[in-house]
Amino acid sequence: MKSKASIYVMLVPNLLLFLSLSIYPIIWSLRYAFYDYDGVYQPKFVGFDNFVQLITKDAVFWQSLQVTGIYVLGKLLIVIPLAFLVALALNIRFRGNGLLQAIVFSPTIMSSAVMAMMFYLLLNVYNGEVNRYFMMFGIIHAPIEWLGNHFAMFSVIMVAFWGGLGNYMVYFLAGLQTIPKDVYESADLDGVTFWKRMFYITLPMLGPVLRVILMLAIVSAFQDIQSILVLTGGGPLAKTKVVFLYIYQLFFPVDPNSAFHAQIGYGAAASMVTGLILGMITLLFLYISRKLDKIY
């Protein structure tokens, strides 16, 4: 009896944190999504007007969803395959293996804002190191606006790739090390080539791990706003304004001197709709990824 009581006592702090930091904000958002509220004046009940305006009239919201889709797809197509290849290479035992793993993983522990500020300085048009070295080696003849109209999304995705590669590499390494060695030894005795071993042994047996990695990558990509906020602020011309950055700017206007003011009620409605869309994407992904379980 005492052991059960001690278990409940230890669960209370976590439960209180969960209720105060997760459940209460959700209930708060559900309430104010039906109000016109700017955080200063008295909330005014408007019913479903926020949702109607968001879905039928807010072109910026739908554009931010399209930008988010491009960002998520670009990040997944780059970081997941390269993280797998790096993990595959580092899964081989050799001198300095642990050091290389630590080097690849080290950007993951860096703050997203600090990392973005570092790349902001590197990608600067006139005195950035990237343009300086490219021009020094004759790769380009004029400075490139890496955070400008044409290359902003590419630069944002590359920064996300640099920061997330090590994280997914560790997941892939953990999955690769769970594959029994005798399976590979049997394949070698049968004369199975490297590529056949890759497609018929390694990838199928990584199915469950790959599903988790993809889910984490999709969710984290949707939530990436810190680096984008520092690098471009959503610009230029809203070409890097992902949906959660748009919602953030509804709650916290960037320029206090501008006519744009806080729209907390509208932002709560936008966050609810975005959460619903993200939930539908998650369910669709889980439905499709069931095929990965059939390999067993």
C-alpha atoms as a PDB file:
ATOM      1  CA  MET A   1       0.000   0.000   0.000  1.00  0.00           C
ATOM      2  CA  LYS A   2       2.833   2.370   0.894  1.00  0.00           C
ATOM      3  CA  SER A   3       4.569   1.627  -2.386  1.00  0.00           C
ATOM      4  CA  LYS A   4       1.441   2.582  -4.350  1.00  0.00           C
ATOM      5  CA  ALA A   5       1.092   5.787  -2.347  1.00  0.00           C
ATOM      6  CA  SER A   6       4.718   6.713  -3.043  1.00  0.00           C
ATOM      7  CA  ILE A   7       4.161   6.088  -6.762  1.00  0.00           C
ATOM      8  CA  TYR A   8       1.180   8.465  -6.796  1.00  0.00           C
ATOM      9  CA  VAL A   9       3.125  11.082  -4.844  1.00  0.00           C
ATOM     10  CA  MET A  10       5.942  10.963  -7.403  1.00  0.00           C
ATOM     11  CA  LEU A  11       3.450  11.239 -10.264  1.00  0.00           C
ATOM     12  CA  VAL A  12       1.780  14.362  -8.845  1.00  0.00           C
ATOM     13  CA  PRO A  13       4.469  16.903  -9.942  1.00  0.00           C
ATOM     14  CA  ASN A  14       4.501  15.567 -13.507  1.00  0.00           C
ATOM     15  CA  LEU A  15       0.723  15.485 -13.592  1.00  0.00           C
ATOM     16  CA  LEU A  16       0.492  19.092 -12.386  1.00  0.00           C
ATOM     17  CA  LEU A  17       3.014  20.212 -15.000  1.00  0.00           C
ATOM     18  CA  PHE A  18       1.125  18.335 -17.701  1.00  0.00           C
ATOM     19  CA  LEU A  19      -2.199  19.879 -16.685  1.00  0.00           C
ATOM     20  CA  SER A  20      -0.803  23.403 -16.374  1.00  0.00           C
ATOM     21  CA  LEU A  21       1.474  23.428 -19.438  1.00  0.00           C
ATOM     22  CA  SER A  22      -0.472  21.199 -21.859  1.00  0.00           C
ATOM     23  CA  ILE A  23      -4.131  20.747 -20.974  1.00  0.00           C
ATOM     24  CA  TYR A  24      -4.852  24.270 -19.700  1.00  0.00           C
ATOM     25  CA  PRO A  25      -3.380  26.038 -22.808  1.00  0.00           C
ATOM     26  CA  ILE A  26      -5.490  23.801 -25.042  1.00  0.00           C
ATOM     27  CA  ILE A  27      -8.664  24.631 -23.101  1.00  0.00           C
ATOM     28  CA  TRP A  28      -7.692  28.324 -23.130  1.00  0.00           C
ATOM     29  CA  SER A  29      -7.249  28.250 -26.917  1.00  0.00           C
ATOM     30  CA  LEU A  30     -10.537  26.433 -27.392  1.00  0.00           C
ATOM     31  CA  ARG A  31     -12.298  29.173 -25.457  1.00  0.00           C
ATOM     32  CA  TYR A  32     -10.750  32.251 -27.057  1.00  0.00           C
ATOM     33  CA  ALA A  33     -10.970  30.852 -30.587  1.00  0.00           C
ATOM     34  CA  PHE A  34     -14.601  31.998 -30.508  1.00  0.00           C
ATOM     35  CA  TYR A  35     -13.776  35.521 -29.321  1.00  0.00           C
ATOM     36  CA  ASP A  36     -12.418  38.723 -30.787  1.00  0.00           C
ATOM     37  CA  TYR A  37      -9.637  39.371 -28.303  1.00  0.00           C
ATOM     38  CA  ASP A  38      -6.419  41.374 -28.523  1.00  0.00           C
ATOM     39  CA  GLY A  39      -5.150  40.811 -24.980  1.00  0.00           C
ATOM     40  CA  VAL A  40      -6.081  44.338 -23.853  1.00  0.00           C
ATOM     41  CA  TYR A  41      -9.766  45.019 -24.296  1.00  0.00           C
ATOM     42  CA  GLN A  42     -12.651  42.889 -23.101  1.00  0.00           C
ATOM     43  CA  PRO A  43     -13.123  39.732 -25.224  1.00  0.00           C
ATOM     44  CA  LYS A  44     -16.091  39.889 -27.564  1.00  0.00           C
ATOM     45  CA  PHE A  45     -17.891  36.675 -28.503  1.00  0.00           C
ATOM     46  CA  VAL A  46     -18.026  36.251 -32.294  1.00  0.00           C
ATOM     47  CA  GLY A  47     -18.963  32.581 -32.631  1.00  0.00           C
ATOM     48  CA  PHE A  48     -17.485  30.917 -35.691  1.00  0.00           C
ATOM     49  CA  ASP A  49     -16.509  34.188 -37.407  1.00  0.00           C
ATOM     50  CA  ASN A  50     -12.799  33.603 -36.793  1.00  0.00           C
ATOM     51  CA  PHE A  51     -12.966  30.185 -38.435  1.00  0.00           C
ATOM     52  CA  VAL A  52     -15.028  31.444 -41.374  1.00  0.00           C
ATOM     53  CA  GLN A  53     -12.602  34.287 -42.022  1.00  0.00           C
ATOM     54  CA  LEU A  54      -9.613  31.976 -41.661  1.00  0.00           C
ATOM     55  CA  ILE A  55     -10.900  29.337 -44.070  1.00  0.00           C
ATOM     56  CA  THR A  56     -12.591  31.553 -46.671  1.00  0.00           C
ATOM     57  CA  LYS A  57     -10.778  34.900 -46.628  1.00  0.00           C
ATOM     58  CA  ASP A  58      -7.293  34.500 -45.178  1.00  0.00           C
ATOM     59  CA  ALA A  59      -5.005  34.006 -48.177  1.00  0.00           C
ATOM     60  CA  VAL A  60      -1.900  34.432 -46.006  1.00  0.00           C
ATOM     61  CA  PHE A  61      -2.877  31.435 -43.885  1.00  0.00           C
ATOM     62  CA  TRP A  62      -3.247  29.160 -46.904  1.00  0.00           C
ATOM     63  CA  GLN A  63      -0.030  30.495 -48.398  1.00  0.00           C
ATOM     64  CA  SER A  64       1.760  29.724 -45.115  1.00  0.00           C
ATOM     65  CA  LEU A  65       0.416  26.171 -45.292  1.00  0.00           C
ATOM     66  CA  GLN A  66       1.842  25.815 -48.806  1.00  0.00           C
ATOM     67  CA  VAL A  67       5.187  27.199 -47.622  1.00  0.00           C
ATOM     68  CA  THR A  68       5.108  24.753 -44.715  1.00  0.00           C
ATOM     69  CA  GLY A  69       4.475  21.860 -47.107  1.00  0.00           C
ATOM     70  CA  ILE A  70       7.459  22.881 -49.252  1.00  0.00           C
ATOM     71  CA  TYR A  71       9.650  23.234 -46.178  1.00  0.00           C
ATOM     72  CA  VAL A  72       8.608  19.891 -44.674  1.00  0.00           C
ATOM     73  CA  LEU A  73       8.993  18.036 -47.967  1.00  0.00           C
ATOM     74  CA  GLY A  74      12.359  19.620 -48.699  1.00  0.00           C
ATOM     75  CA  LYS A  75      13.685  18.850 -45.240  1.00  0.00           C
ATOM     76  CA  LEU A  76      12.502  15.240 -45.324  1.00  0.00           C
ATOM     77  CA  LEU A  77      13.906  14.557 -48.794  1.00  0.00           C
ATOM     78  CA  ILE A  78      17.330  15.851 -47.764  1.00  0.00           C
ATOM     79  CA  VAL A  79      17.880  15.080 -44.103  1.00  0.00           C
ATOM     80  CA  ILE A  80      16.382  11.567 -43.846  1.00  0.00           C
ATOM     81  CA  PRO A  81      18.320   9.894 -46.730  1.00  0.00           C
ATOM     82  CA  LEU A  82      21.590  11.605 -45.792  1.00  0.00           C
ATOM     83  CA  ALA A  83      21.149  10.771 -42.102  1.00  0.00           C
ATOM     84  CA  PHE A  84      20.661   7.133 -43.089  1.00  0.00           C
ATOM     85  CA  LEU A  85      23.783   7.130 -45.289  1.00  0.00           C
ATOM     86  CA  VAL A  86      25.870   8.760 -42.549  1.00  0.00           C
ATOM     87  CA  ALA A  87      24.572   6.240 -39.997  1.00  0.00           C
ATOM     88  CA  LEU A  88      25.360   3.412 -42.401  1.00  0.00           C
ATOM     89  CA  ALA A  89      28.931   4.640 -42.774  1.00  0.00           C
ATOM     90  CA  LEU A  90      29.431   5.250 -39.048  1.00  0.00           C
ATOM     91  CA  ASN A  91      27.973   1.847 -38.191  1.00  0.00           C
ATOM     92  CA  ILE A  92      31.254   0.353 -39.432  1.00  0.00           C
ATOM     93  CA  ARG A  93      33.849   0.055 -36.678  1.00  0.00           C
ATOM     94  CA  PHE A  94      37.034   2.026 -37.374  1.00  0.00           C
ATOM     95  CA  ARG A  95      39.444   4.289 -35.528  1.00  0.00           C
ATOM     96  CA  GLY A  96      37.856   7.666 -34.805  1.00  0.00           C
ATOM     97  CA  ASN A  97      34.310   6.381 -35.246  1.00  0.00           C
ATOM     98  CA  GLY A  98      33.114   7.786 -31.921  1.00  0.00           C
ATOM     99  CA  LEU A  99      34.710  11.166 -32.605  1.00  0.00           C
ATOM    100  CA  LEU A 100      32.973  11.448 -35.978  1.00  0.00           C
ATOM    101  CA  GLN A 101      29.644  10.528 -34.407  1.00  0.00           C
ATOM    102  CA  ALA A 102      30.136  13.259 -31.808  1.00  0.00           C
ATOM    103  CA  ILE A 103      31.030  15.812 -34.500  1.00  0.00           C
ATOM    104  CA  VAL A 104      27.947  14.986 -36.585  1.00  0.00           C
ATOM    105  CA  PHE A 105      25.706  15.045 -33.516  1.00  0.00           C
ATOM    106  CA  SER A 106      27.121  18.251 -31.999  1.00  0.00           C
ATOM    107  CA  PRO A 107      24.910  20.731 -33.963  1.00  0.00           C
ATOM    108  CA  THR A 108      21.845  19.062 -32.435  1.00  0.00           C
ATOM    109  CA  ILE A 109      22.672  20.331 -28.956  1.00  0.00           C
ATOM    110  CA  MET A 110      23.029  23.921 -30.158  1.00  0.00           C
ATOM    111  CA  SER A 111      20.206  26.391 -29.625  1.00  0.00           C
ATOM    112  CA  SER A 112      18.157  26.910 -32.795  1.00  0.00           C
ATOM    113  CA  ALA A 113      18.274  30.686 -32.383  1.00  0.00           C
ATOM    114  CA  VAL A 114      22.070  30.726 -31.914  1.00  0.00           C
ATOM    115  CA  MET A 115      22.527  28.382 -34.876  1.00  0.00           C
ATOM    116  CA  ALA A 116      20.312  30.574 -37.060  1.00  0.00           C
ATOM    117  CA  MET A 117      22.195  33.713 -36.038  1.00  0.00           C
ATOM    118  CA  MET A 118      25.479  32.020 -36.938  1.00  0.00           C
ATOM    119  CA  PHE A 119      24.174  31.131 -40.394  1.00  0.00           C
ATOM    120  CA  TYR A 120      22.691  34.606 -40.782  1.00  0.00           C
ATOM    121  CA  LEU A 121      26.204  36.007 -40.447  1.00  0.00           C
ATOM    122  CA  LEU A 122      27.686  33.358 -42.751  1.00  0.00           C
ATOM    123  CA  LEU A 123      25.062  33.940 -45.463  1.00  0.00           C
ATOM    124  CA  ASN A 124      25.217  37.715 -45.355  1.00  0.00           C
ATOM    125  CA  VAL A 125      25.258  39.163 -48.873  1.00  0.00           C
ATOM    126  CA  TYR A 126      28.254  41.486 -48.696  1.00  0.00           C
ATOM    127  CA  ASN A 127      30.473  40.319 -45.842  1.00  0.00           C
ATOM    128  CA  GLY A 128      29.306  36.741 -45.311  1.00  0.00           C
ATOM    129  CA  GLU A 129      31.924  34.007 -45.351  1.00  0.00           C
ATOM    130  CA  VAL A 130      29.998  31.829 -47.803  1.00  0.00           C
ATOM    131  CA  ASN A 131      30.000  34.421 -50.577  1.00  0.00           C
ATOM    132  CA  ARG A 132      33.585  35.413 -49.784  1.00  0.00           C
ATOM    133  CA  TYR A 133      34.952  31.877 -50.196  1.00  0.00           C
ATOM    134  CA  PHE A 134      32.775  31.128 -53.226  1.00  0.00           C
ATOM    135  CA  MET A 135      34.132  34.225 -54.940  1.00  0.00           C
ATOM    136  CA  MET A 136      37.669  33.441 -53.824  1.00  0.00           C
ATOM    137  CA  PHE A 137      37.560  30.025 -55.520  1.00  0.00           C
ATOM    138  CA  GLY A 138      35.799  31.386 -58.613  1.00  0.00           C
ATOM    139  CA  ILE A 139      32.560  29.490 -58.039  1.00  0.00           C
ATOM    140  CA  ILE A 140      30.550  32.718 -58.293  1.00  0.00           C
ATOM    141  CA  HIS A 141      31.438  36.135 -59.678  1.00  0.00           C
ATOM    142  CA  ALA A 142      28.960  38.252 -57.708  1.00  0.00           C
ATOM    143  CA  PRO A 143      27.516  37.938 -54.191  1.00  0.00           C
ATOM    144  CA  ILE A 144      24.397  35.799 -53.911  1.00  0.00           C
ATOM    145  CA  GLU A 145      21.465  36.873 -51.758  1.00  0.00           C
ATOM    146  CA  TRP A 146      21.124  33.585 -49.893  1.00  0.00           C
ATOM    147  CA  LEU A 147      18.290  34.996 -47.785  1.00  0.00           C
ATOM    148  CA  GLY A 148      16.733  36.853 -50.685  1.00  0.00           C
ATOM    149  CA  ASN A 149      13.793  36.132 -52.917  1.00  0.00           C
ATOM    150  CA  HIS A 150      15.246  33.176 -54.861  1.00  0.00           C
ATOM    151  CA  PHE A 151      17.339  31.286 -52.293  1.00  0.00           C
ATOM    152  CA  ALA A 152      15.623  31.972 -48.956  1.00  0.00           C
ATOM    153  CA  MET A 153      13.741  28.671 -48.753  1.00  0.00           C
ATOM    154  CA  PHE A 154      16.797  26.712 -49.879  1.00  0.00           C
ATOM    155  CA  SER A 155      18.919  28.393 -47.192  1.00  0.00           C
ATOM    156  CA  VAL A 156      16.316  27.749 -44.495  1.00  0.00           C
ATOM    157  CA  ILE A 157      16.136  24.069 -45.442  1.00  0.00           C
ATOM    158  CA  MET A 158      19.942  23.760 -45.438  1.00  0.00           C
ATOM    159  CA  VAL A 159      20.110  25.247 -41.937  1.00  0.00           C
ATOM    160  CA  ALA A 160      17.439  22.794 -40.771  1.00  0.00           C
ATOM    161  CA  PHE A 161      19.393  19.967 -42.387  1.00  0.00           C
ATOM    162  CA  TRP A 162      22.615  20.980 -40.635  1.00  0.00           C
ATOM    163  CA  GLY A 163      20.867  21.145 -37.274  1.00  0.00           C
ATOM    164  CA  GLY A 164      18.862  17.929 -37.584  1.00  0.00           C
ATOM    165  CA  LEU A 165      21.229  15.529 -39.335  1.00  0.00           C
ATOM    166  CA  GLY A 166      22.918  14.304 -36.162  1.00  0.00           C
ATOM    167  CA  ASN A 167      19.651  13.681 -34.355  1.00  0.00           C
ATOM    168  CA  TYR A 168      18.246  11.355 -37.009  1.00  0.00           C
ATOM    169  CA  MET A 169      21.660   9.781 -37.525  1.00  0.00           C
ATOM    170  CA  VAL A 170      21.573   8.593 -33.898  1.00  0.00           C
ATOM    171  CA  TYR A 171      18.133   7.037 -34.408  1.00  0.00           C
ATOM    172  CA  PHE A 172      19.299   5.222 -37.521  1.00  0.00           C
ATOM    173  CA  LEU A 173      22.441   4.024 -35.740  1.00  0.00           C
ATOM    174  CA  ALA A 174      20.352   2.627 -32.908  1.00  0.00           C
ATOM    175  CA  GLY A 175      18.167   0.792 -35.424  1.00  0.00           C
ATOM    176  CA  LEU A 176      21.109  -0.569 -37.405  1.00  0.00           C
ATOM    177  CA  GLN A 177      22.739  -1.940 -34.280  1.00  0.00           C
ATOM    178  CA  THR A 178      19.621  -3.940 -33.406  1.00  0.00           C
ATOM    179  CA  ILE A 179      19.806  -5.947 -36.624  1.00  0.00           C
ATOM    180  CA  PRO A 180      21.341  -9.378 -35.822  1.00  0.00           C
ATOM    181  CA  LYS A 181      24.785  -9.866 -37.337  1.00  0.00           C
ATOM    182  CA  ASP A 182      24.063 -13.472 -38.213  1.00  0.00           C
ATOM    183  CA  VAL A 183      21.518 -12.256 -40.782  1.00  0.00           C
ATOM    184  CA  TYR A 184      24.288 -10.430 -42.650  1.00  0.00           C
ATOM    185  CA  GLU A 185      26.660 -13.370 -42.233  1.00  0.00           C
ATOM    186  CA  SER A 186      24.091 -15.720 -43.812  1.00  0.00           C
ATOM    187  CA  ALA A 187      23.616 -13.247 -46.659  1.00  0.00           C
ATOM    188  CA  ASP A 188      27.382 -13.085 -47.243  1.00  0.00           C
ATOM    189  CA  LEU A 189      27.579 -16.880 -47.377  1.00  0.00           C
ATOM    190  CA  ASP A 190      24.858 -16.871 -50.026  1.00  0.00           C
ATOM    191  CA  GLY A 191      26.739 -14.306 -52.082  1.00  0.00           C
ATOM    192  CA  VAL A 192      24.175 -11.506 -51.652  1.00  0.00           C
ATOM    193  CA  THR A 193      25.426  -8.210 -53.082  1.00  0.00           C
ATOM    194  CA  PHE A 194      25.587  -4.970 -51.091  1.00  0.00           C
ATOM    195  CA  TRP A 195      22.556  -3.411 -52.771  1.00  0.00           C
ATOM    196  CA  LYS A 196      20.404  -6.505 -52.379  1.00  0.00           C
ATOM    197  CA  ARG A 197      21.397  -6.717 -48.737  1.00  0.00           C
ATOM    198  CA  MET A 198      20.432  -3.062 -48.382  1.00  0.00           C
ATOM    199  CA  PHE A 199      16.970  -3.370 -49.964  1.00  0.00           C
ATOM    200  CA  TYR A 200      16.017  -6.835 -48.748  1.00  0.00           C
ATOM    201  CA  ILE A 201      17.554  -6.908 -45.249  1.00  0.00           C
ATOM    202  CA  THR A 202      18.585  -3.523 -43.868  1.00  0.00           C
ATOM    203  CA  LEU A 203      15.684  -1.317 -44.956  1.00  0.00           C
ATOM    204  CA  PRO A 204      12.914  -3.863 -44.193  1.00  0.00           C
ATOM    205  CA  MET A 205      14.298  -4.555 -40.723  1.00  0.00           C
ATOM    206  CA  LEU A 206      14.553  -0.806 -40.096  1.00  0.00           C
ATOM    207  CA  GLY A 207      10.848  -0.430 -40.884  1.00  0.00           C
ATOM    208  CA  PRO A 208       9.580   0.317 -37.339  1.00  0.00           C
ATOM    209  CA  VAL A 209      12.495   2.645 -36.606  1.00  0.00           C
ATOM    210  CA  LEU A 210      12.038   4.425 -39.926  1.00  0.00           C
ATOM    211  CA  ARG A 211       8.370   5.005 -39.157  1.00  0.00           C
ATOM    212  CA  VAL A 212       9.232   6.654 -35.836  1.00  0.00           C
ATOM    213  CA  ILE A 213      11.950   8.760 -37.460  1.00  0.00           C
ATOM    214  CA  LEU A 214       9.610   9.982 -40.193  1.00  0.00           C
ATOM    215  CA  MET A 215       6.912  10.835 -37.663  1.00  0.00           C
ATOM    216  CA  LEU A 216       9.353  12.811 -35.515  1.00  0.00           C
ATOM    217  CA  ALA A 217      10.763  14.554 -38.578  1.00  0.00           C
ATOM    218  CA  ILE A 218       7.326  15.583 -39.857  1.00  0.00           C
ATOM    219  CA  VAL A 219       6.146  16.914 -36.501  1.00  0.00           C
ATOM    220  CA  SER A 220       9.412  18.766 -35.794  1.00  0.00           C
ATOM    221  CA  ALA A 221       9.459  20.260 -39.303  1.00  0.00           C
ATOM    222  CA  PHE A 222       5.960  21.661 -38.792  1.00  0.00           C
ATOM    223  CA  GLN A 223       7.084  23.237 -35.520  1.00  0.00           C
ATOM    224  CA  ASP A 224      10.315  24.804 -36.800  1.00  0.00           C
ATOM    225  CA  ILE A 225       9.976  28.562 -36.340  1.00  0.00           C
ATOM    226  CA  GLN A 226      12.976  29.711 -34.282  1.00  0.00           C
ATOM    227  CA  SER A 227      15.582  29.428 -37.028  1.00  0.00           C
ATOM    228  CA  ILE A 228      13.224  30.854 -39.663  1.00  0.00           C
ATOM    229  CA  LEU A 229      12.291  33.760 -37.393  1.00  0.00           C
ATOM    230  CA  VAL A 230      15.959  34.666 -36.920  1.00  0.00           C
ATOM    231  CA  LEU A 231      17.064  34.042 -40.517  1.00  0.00           C
ATOM    232  CA  THR A 232      14.285  35.635 -42.542  1.00  0.00           C
ATOM    233  CA  GLY A 233      11.410  36.567 -40.213  1.00  0.00           C
ATOM    234  CA  GLY A 234       9.131  34.804 -42.695  1.00  0.00           C
ATOM    235  CA  GLY A 235      10.273  36.901 -45.636  1.00  0.00           C
ATOM    236  CA  PRO A 236      11.003  37.893 -48.244  1.00  0.00           C
ATOM    237  CA  LEU A 237       7.431  38.364 -49.439  1.00  0.00           C
ATOM    238  CA  ALA A 238       6.279  35.657 -46.973  1.00  0.00           C
ATOM    239  CA  LYS A 239       8.115  32.974 -48.967  1.00  0.00           C
ATOM    240  CA  THR A 240       9.478  31.394 -45.794  1.00  0.00           C
ATOM    241  CA  LYS A 241       6.537  32.189 -43.506  1.00  0.00           C
ATOM    242  CA  VAL A 242       5.547  28.739 -42.257  1.00  0.00           C
ATOM    243  CA  VAL A 243       2.166  28.345 -40.627  1.00  0.00           C
ATOM    244  CA  PHE A 244       3.335  28.271 -37.006  1.00  0.00           C
ATOM    245  CA  LEU A 245       5.385  31.420 -37.591  1.00  0.00           C
ATOM    246  CA  TYR A 246       2.241  33.074 -38.961  1.00  0.00           C
ATOM    247  CA  ILE A 247       0.327  32.006 -35.843  1.00  0.00           C
ATOM    248  CA  TYR A 248       3.156  33.240 -33.626  1.00  0.00           C
ATOM    249  CA  GLN A 249       3.009  36.639 -35.285  1.00  0.00           C
ATOM    250  CA  LEU A 250      -0.742  36.785 -34.688  1.00  0.00           C
ATOM    251  CA  PHE A 251      -0.125  36.396 -30.963  1.00  0.00           C
ATOM    252  CA  PHE A 252       3.082  38.466 -30.827  1.00  0.00           C
ATOM    253  CA  PRO A 253       3.350  41.170 -33.510  1.00  0.00           C
ATOM    254  CA  VAL A 254       6.951  41.608 -34.598  1.00  0.00           C
ATOM    255  CA  ASP A 255       6.876  45.386 -35.041  1.00  0.00           C
ATOM    256  CA  PRO A 256       5.061  47.198 -32.211  1.00  0.00           C
ATOM    257  CA  ASN A 257       4.991  50.423 -34.275  1.00  0.00           C
ATOM    258  CA  SER A 258       3.119  48.848 -37.170  1.00  0.00           C
ATOM    259  CA  ALA A 259      -0.625  48.791 -37.658  1.00  0.00           C
ATOM    260  CA  PHE A 260      -0.547  45.028 -37.133  1.00  0.00           C
ATOM    261  CA  HIS A 261      -1.808  44.337 -33.595  1.00  0.00           C
ATOM    262  CA  ALA A 262      -2.195  41.207 -31.538  1.00  0.00           C
ATOM    263  CA  GLN A 263      -5.103  39.004 -32.619  1.00  0.00           C
ATOM    264  CA  ILE A 264      -5.221  36.421 -29.865  1.00  0.00           C
ATOM    265  CA  GLY A 265      -8.693  35.095 -30.628  1.00  0.00           C
ATOM    266  CA  TYR A 266      -7.951  34.785 -34.329  1.00  0.00           C
ATOM    267  CA  GLY A 267      -4.574  33.218 -33.586  1.00  0.00           C
ATOM    268  CA  ALA A 268      -6.232  30.655 -31.311  1.00  0.00           C
ATOM    269  CA  ALA A 269      -8.626  29.742 -34.127  1.00  0.00           C
ATOM    270  CA  ALA A 270      -5.706  29.447 -36.569  1.00  0.00           C
ATOM    271  CA  SER A 271      -3.817  27.208 -34.141  1.00  0.00           C
ATOM    272  CA  MET A 272      -6.855  24.942 -33.750  1.00  0.00           C
ATOM    273  CA  VAL A 273      -7.305  24.577 -37.506  1.00  0.00           C
ATOM    274  CA  THR A 274      -3.583  23.960 -37.973  1.00  0.00           C
ATOM    275  CA  GLY A 275      -3.588  21.372 -35.193  1.00  0.00           C
ATOM    276  CA  LEU A 276      -6.516  19.633 -36.852  1.00  0.00           C
ATOM    277  CA  ILE A 277      -4.700  19.583 -40.209  1.00  0.00           C
ATOM    278  CA  LEU A 278      -1.541  18.258 -38.569  1.00  0.00           C
ATOM    279  CA  GLY A 279      -3.592  15.583 -36.781  1.00  0.00           C
ATOM    280  CA  MET A 280      -5.136  14.488 -40.086  1.00  0.00           C
ATOM    281  CA  ILE A 281      -1.689  14.294 -41.681  1.00  0.00           C
ATOM    282  CA  THR A 282      -0.462  12.223 -38.741  1.00  0.00           C
ATOM    283  CA  LEU A 283      -3.391   9.798 -38.995  1.00  0.00           C
ATOM    284  CA  LEU A 284      -2.861   9.490 -42.749  1.00  0.00           C
ATOM    285  CA  PHE A 285       0.818   8.779 -42.208  1.00  0.00           C
ATOM    286  CA  LEU A 286       0.066   6.154 -39.555  1.00  0.00           C
ATOM    287  CA  TYR A 287      -2.454   4.507 -41.878  1.00  0.00           C
ATOM    288  CA  ILE A 288       0.036   4.348 -44.745  1.00  0.00           C
ATOM    289  CA  SER A 289       2.951   3.287 -42.554  1.00  0.00           C
ATOM    290  CA  ARG A 290       1.127   0.158 -41.383  1.00  0.00           C
ATOM    291  CA  LYS A 291       2.640  -1.524 -44.402  1.00  0.00           C
ATOM    292  CA  LEU A 292       6.013  -1.276 -42.699  1.00  0.00           C
ATOM    293  CA  ASP A 293       4.754  -3.587 -39.959  1.00  0.00           C
ATOM    294  CA  LYS A 294       3.937  -6.308 -42.465  1.00  0.00           C
ATOM    295  CA  ILE A 295       7.610  -7.015 -43.065  1.00  0.00           C
ATOM    296  CA  TYR A 296       7.521  -9.158 -39.941  1.00  0.00           C
END
